[in-house]
Amino acid sequence: ASAGVVLTKPGLSEIIDTIAVSRQTYQRMLTWVLNKVTKVVEVVVLFTAGYFWLHTMLISLLGMSLLVFANDFVTMSIATDRVVATKSPNSWKMKSIVPASALLGILFALEDLFVVFVGLSFFHLA
């Protein structure tokens, strides 16, 4: 990426701007990774627990297709956020990123299972 930097003004101001943009890009990528791992863990836990609990799939093939389609729009909206560049250099700390997003995925799956329970118990949805 740094090979694509073209210095059109004298001095280092454009390099500073390039560093700020790269740090914003890192923040977007970090958000995307957290979102992706969280969604994958949520779906796997939800469908696995739901299958063993209800002995049937929680969602149809059409429902799964709509879910994937809707998740793509959410993912695209994440890419257009207004991130702020950090003041210090960034690094990938996967030992903290993956457990944090996995915990979020498990919590979201538990919330989803609670919604399924309420739907089955109180609203008698089948």
C-alpha atoms as a PDB file:
ATOM      1  CA  ALA A   1       0.000   0.000   0.000  1.00  0.00           C
ATOM      2  CA  SER A   2       2.822   2.404   0.726  1.00  0.00           C
ATOM      3  CA  ALA A   3       4.144   1.877  -2.810  1.00  0.00           C
ATOM      4  CA  GLY A   4       1.020   3.649  -4.031  1.00  0.00           C
ATOM      5  CA  VAL A   5       1.827   6.887  -2.220  1.00  0.00           C
ATOM      6  CA  VAL A   6       2.565   9.723  -4.614  1.00  0.00           C
ATOM      7  CA  LEU A   7       4.216  12.766  -3.105  1.00  0.00           C
ATOM      8  CA  THR A   8       2.803  15.797  -4.890  1.00  0.00           C
ATOM      9  CA  LYS A   9       3.831  18.435  -2.345  1.00  0.00           C
ATOM     10  CA  PRO A  10       7.203  19.120  -0.768  1.00  0.00           C
ATOM     11  CA  GLY A  11       7.649  17.894   2.791  1.00  0.00           C
ATOM     12  CA  LEU A  12       6.218  15.034   4.812  1.00  0.00           C
ATOM     13  CA  SER A  13       2.602  16.174   5.167  1.00  0.00           C
ATOM     14  CA  GLU A  14       1.310  13.617   2.675  1.00  0.00           C
ATOM     15  CA  ILE A  15       3.073  10.793   4.482  1.00  0.00           C
ATOM     16  CA  ILE A  16       1.343  11.841   7.704  1.00  0.00           C
ATOM     17  CA  ASP A  17      -2.009  11.828   5.890  1.00  0.00           C
ATOM     18  CA  THR A  18      -1.226   8.371   4.506  1.00  0.00           C
ATOM     19  CA  ILE A  19      -0.464   7.050   7.985  1.00  0.00           C
ATOM     20  CA  ALA A  20      -3.762   8.463   9.283  1.00  0.00           C
ATOM     21  CA  VAL A  21      -5.684   6.795   6.448  1.00  0.00           C
ATOM     22  CA  SER A  22      -3.931   3.478   7.075  1.00  0.00           C
ATOM     23  CA  ARG A  23      -4.864   3.636  10.763  1.00  0.00           C
ATOM     24  CA  GLN A  24      -8.483   4.330   9.826  1.00  0.00           C
ATOM     25  CA  THR A  25      -8.362   1.351   7.481  1.00  0.00           C
ATOM     26  CA  TYR A  26      -7.048  -0.805  10.318  1.00  0.00           C
ATOM     27  CA  GLN A  27      -9.984   0.250  12.512  1.00  0.00           C
ATOM     28  CA  ARG A  28     -12.419  -0.718   9.741  1.00  0.00           C
ATOM     29  CA  MET A  29     -10.727  -4.089   9.270  1.00  0.00           C
ATOM     30  CA  LEU A  30     -10.775  -4.714  13.020  1.00  0.00           C
ATOM     31  CA  THR A  31     -14.492  -3.939  13.144  1.00  0.00           C
ATOM     32  CA  TRP A  32     -15.104  -6.256  10.195  1.00  0.00           C
ATOM     33  CA  VAL A  33     -13.135  -9.124  11.792  1.00  0.00           C
ATOM     34  CA  LEU A  34     -14.950  -8.724  15.115  1.00  0.00           C
ATOM     35  CA  ASN A  35     -18.279  -8.675  13.291  1.00  0.00           C
ATOM     36  CA  LYS A  36     -17.451 -11.703  11.119  1.00  0.00           C
ATOM     37  CA  VAL A  37     -16.188 -13.922  13.941  1.00  0.00           C
ATOM     38  CA  THR A  38     -19.111 -12.890  16.145  1.00  0.00           C
ATOM     39  CA  LYS A  39     -21.654 -13.771  13.440  1.00  0.00           C
ATOM     40  CA  VAL A  40     -20.032 -17.117  12.651  1.00  0.00           C
ATOM     41  CA  VAL A  41     -19.928 -18.168  16.309  1.00  0.00           C
ATOM     42  CA  GLU A  42     -23.499 -16.964  16.844  1.00  0.00           C
ATOM     43  CA  VAL A  43     -24.900 -18.910  13.891  1.00  0.00           C
ATOM     44  CA  VAL A  44     -22.967 -22.099  14.673  1.00  0.00           C
ATOM     45  CA  VAL A  45     -23.946 -22.098  18.364  1.00  0.00           C
ATOM     46  CA  LEU A  46     -27.560 -21.155  17.625  1.00  0.00           C
ATOM     47  CA  PHE A  47     -28.134 -23.802  14.966  1.00  0.00           C
ATOM     48  CA  THR A  48     -26.256 -26.533  16.828  1.00  0.00           C
ATOM     49  CA  ALA A  49     -28.034 -25.894  20.133  1.00  0.00           C
ATOM     50  CA  GLY A  50     -31.367 -25.454  18.360  1.00  0.00           C
ATOM     51  CA  TYR A  51     -30.970 -28.720  16.473  1.00  0.00           C
ATOM     52  CA  PHE A  52     -30.158 -30.710  19.613  1.00  0.00           C
ATOM     53  CA  TRP A  53     -32.893 -28.937  21.592  1.00  0.00           C
ATOM     54  CA  LEU A  54     -35.750 -29.134  19.071  1.00  0.00           C
ATOM     55  CA  HIS A  55     -34.512 -32.064  16.931  1.00  0.00           C
ATOM     56  CA  THR A  56     -35.150 -30.007  13.810  1.00  0.00           C
ATOM     57  CA  MET A  57     -33.553 -27.119  11.991  1.00  0.00           C
ATOM     58  CA  LEU A  58     -34.468 -23.700  13.371  1.00  0.00           C
ATOM     59  CA  ILE A  59     -34.545 -22.060   9.968  1.00  0.00           C
ATOM     60  CA  SER A  60     -35.473 -23.103   6.457  1.00  0.00           C
ATOM     61  CA  LEU A  61     -33.247 -22.861   3.420  1.00  0.00           C
ATOM     62  CA  LEU A  62     -35.102 -19.741   2.283  1.00  0.00           C
ATOM     63  CA  GLY A  63     -34.734 -18.231   5.749  1.00  0.00           C
ATOM     64  CA  MET A  64     -31.013 -18.965   5.719  1.00  0.00           C
ATOM     65  CA  SER A  65     -30.686 -17.324   2.301  1.00  0.00           C
ATOM     66  CA  LEU A  66     -32.490 -14.219   3.551  1.00  0.00           C
ATOM     67  CA  LEU A  67     -30.304 -14.169   6.673  1.00  0.00           C
ATOM     68  CA  VAL A  68     -27.106 -14.264   4.610  1.00  0.00           C
ATOM     69  CA  PHE A  69     -28.474 -11.573   2.295  1.00  0.00           C
ATOM     70  CA  ALA A  70     -29.417  -9.309   5.234  1.00  0.00           C
ATOM     71  CA  ASN A  71     -26.033  -9.859   6.904  1.00  0.00           C
ATOM     72  CA  ASP A  72     -24.317  -8.663   3.732  1.00  0.00           C
ATOM     73  CA  PHE A  73     -26.114  -5.325   3.993  1.00  0.00           C
ATOM     74  CA  VAL A  74     -25.096  -4.996   7.643  1.00  0.00           C
ATOM     75  CA  THR A  75     -21.499  -5.766   6.715  1.00  0.00           C
ATOM     76  CA  MET A  76     -21.569  -3.143   3.958  1.00  0.00           C
ATOM     77  CA  SER A  77     -22.872  -0.532   6.388  1.00  0.00           C
ATOM     78  CA  ILE A  78     -19.945  -1.234   8.709  1.00  0.00           C
ATOM     79  CA  ALA A  79     -17.536  -0.322   5.909  1.00  0.00           C
ATOM     80  CA  THR A  80     -18.998   3.186   5.626  1.00  0.00           C
ATOM     81  CA  ASP A  81     -18.605   4.253   9.230  1.00  0.00           C
ATOM     82  CA  ARG A  82     -16.731   7.297  10.490  1.00  0.00           C
ATOM     83  CA  VAL A  83     -13.691   5.837  12.172  1.00  0.00           C
ATOM     84  CA  VAL A  84     -11.045   7.969  13.822  1.00  0.00           C
ATOM     85  CA  ALA A  85      -7.364   7.254  13.331  1.00  0.00           C
ATOM     86  CA  THR A  86      -5.529   6.173  16.458  1.00  0.00           C
ATOM     87  CA  LYS A  87      -2.614   8.228  17.722  1.00  0.00           C
ATOM     88  CA  SER A  88      -0.292   5.231  18.081  1.00  0.00           C
ATOM     89  CA  PRO A  89       0.544   2.380  15.693  1.00  0.00           C
ATOM     90  CA  ASN A  90      -1.851  -0.557  15.603  1.00  0.00           C
ATOM     91  CA  SER A  91      -1.145  -4.265  15.681  1.00  0.00           C
ATOM     92  CA  TRP A  92      -3.279  -7.368  15.374  1.00  0.00           C
ATOM     93  CA  LYS A  93      -3.755  -8.890  18.819  1.00  0.00           C
ATOM     94  CA  MET A  94      -5.570 -12.061  17.795  1.00  0.00           C
ATOM     95  CA  LYS A  95      -5.265 -13.552  21.292  1.00  0.00           C
ATOM     96  CA  SER A  96      -7.693 -10.901  22.515  1.00  0.00           C
ATOM     97  CA  ILE A  97      -9.720 -10.277  19.336  1.00  0.00           C
ATOM     98  CA  VAL A  98     -10.918 -13.857  18.802  1.00  0.00           C
ATOM     99  CA  PRO A  99     -11.981 -14.585  22.416  1.00  0.00           C
ATOM    100  CA  ALA A 100     -13.776 -11.238  22.672  1.00  0.00           C
ATOM    101  CA  SER A 101     -15.723 -11.785  19.471  1.00  0.00           C
ATOM    102  CA  ALA A 102     -16.392 -15.442  20.362  1.00  0.00           C
ATOM    103  CA  LEU A 103     -17.829 -14.332  23.703  1.00  0.00           C
ATOM    104  CA  LEU A 104     -20.056 -11.828  21.915  1.00  0.00           C
ATOM    105  CA  GLY A 105     -21.170 -14.550  19.493  1.00  0.00           C
ATOM    106  CA  ILE A 106     -22.070 -16.895  22.350  1.00  0.00           C
ATOM    107  CA  LEU A 107     -23.987 -14.141  24.147  1.00  0.00           C
ATOM    108  CA  PHE A 108     -25.891 -13.276  20.960  1.00  0.00           C
ATOM    109  CA  ALA A 109     -26.669 -16.974  20.420  1.00  0.00           C
ATOM    110  CA  LEU A 110     -28.002 -17.256  23.984  1.00  0.00           C
ATOM    111  CA  GLU A 111     -30.171 -14.222  23.331  1.00  0.00           C
ATOM    112  CA  ASP A 112     -31.429 -15.824  20.118  1.00  0.00           C
ATOM    113  CA  LEU A 113     -32.197 -19.087  21.933  1.00  0.00           C
ATOM    114  CA  PHE A 114     -34.120 -17.129  24.553  1.00  0.00           C
ATOM    115  CA  VAL A 115     -36.180 -15.505  21.791  1.00  0.00           C
ATOM    116  CA  VAL A 116     -36.879 -18.968  20.331  1.00  0.00           C
ATOM    117  CA  PHE A 117     -37.923 -20.199  23.790  1.00  0.00           C
ATOM    118  CA  VAL A 118     -40.275 -17.238  24.291  1.00  0.00           C
ATOM    119  CA  GLY A 119     -41.715 -17.730  20.811  1.00  0.00           C
ATOM    120  CA  LEU A 120     -42.370 -21.417  21.425  1.00  0.00           C
ATOM    121  CA  SER A 121     -43.585 -21.161  25.029  1.00  0.00           C
ATOM    122  CA  PHE A 122     -45.629 -17.980  25.130  1.00  0.00           C
ATOM    123  CA  PHE A 123     -46.641 -17.317  21.540  1.00  0.00           C
ATOM    124  CA  HIS A 124     -46.955 -20.996  20.533  1.00  0.00           C
ATOM    125  CA  LEU A 125     -45.031 -20.481  17.311  1.00  0.00           C
ATOM    126  CA  ALA A 126     -44.096 -23.638  15.467  1.00  0.00           C
END
